[in-house]
Amino acid sequence: LTPDGVQPWLNTLSAPVQYPQVPLSINYQKYGMGEQELAWYDAQLKVESRNQSAVAWVQDFLGLVVRKITLPDIPVGHLKFLISDGSRHQKLSIVSGDLDFGLVVDQPDNWGEAIELIINSRLECSSEKIQEVFTTCLQQATSADVKVTMVAEDSFHPGFPDPTYRFPRI
């Protein structure tokens, strides 16, 4: 580290304002209409096994979801999957514009016997269709060695945005 390399960083940190002084101009009508085209699906699953098959089930399930979405070409806002066994954690995601829809769990041999899987998905389809996609994948991903418990699940279209607070010009 040199003073010349550190000084610009220190100047940025000590600057009184680090964000734009003019609030963003957002067309909530346009934003809301686009938001209404997306169905939301959120779920929390508990995946348990007596061996390494819990992480194998998660990997198979992720592959099923990707195939179920890409075969009919359902536009993706985002697909986010958070997996955790209590000590290991990984986030896998696909966002609109991604060309590679590969979701691969890192170091599958190192995961525990119980995994929490959190799903956060936004797809351009009906809330019934997004529910059907995940329900079908859950049914197809059955395994005698794995117990899957649905802890929480919801599919819906969001309400139209109505911002309560807008920052005034600073």
Foldseek 3Di string as FASTA:
>chain_A
DDCVVCVVVVCQVPDPDNDDLAFDDDDLVVVLVVLQQKKKKKFKKKKFFPALVSLVLVQQLLVLLVCLCPVVVWFWQKKWKWKDQPPDIDIFMDHGPDPDSDTDDPPSRPHDRMMMIIIITITRDALVVVVVSNVVSVVVSDDPRMDMDTPDIDMHRDDRDDDPDDDHRD
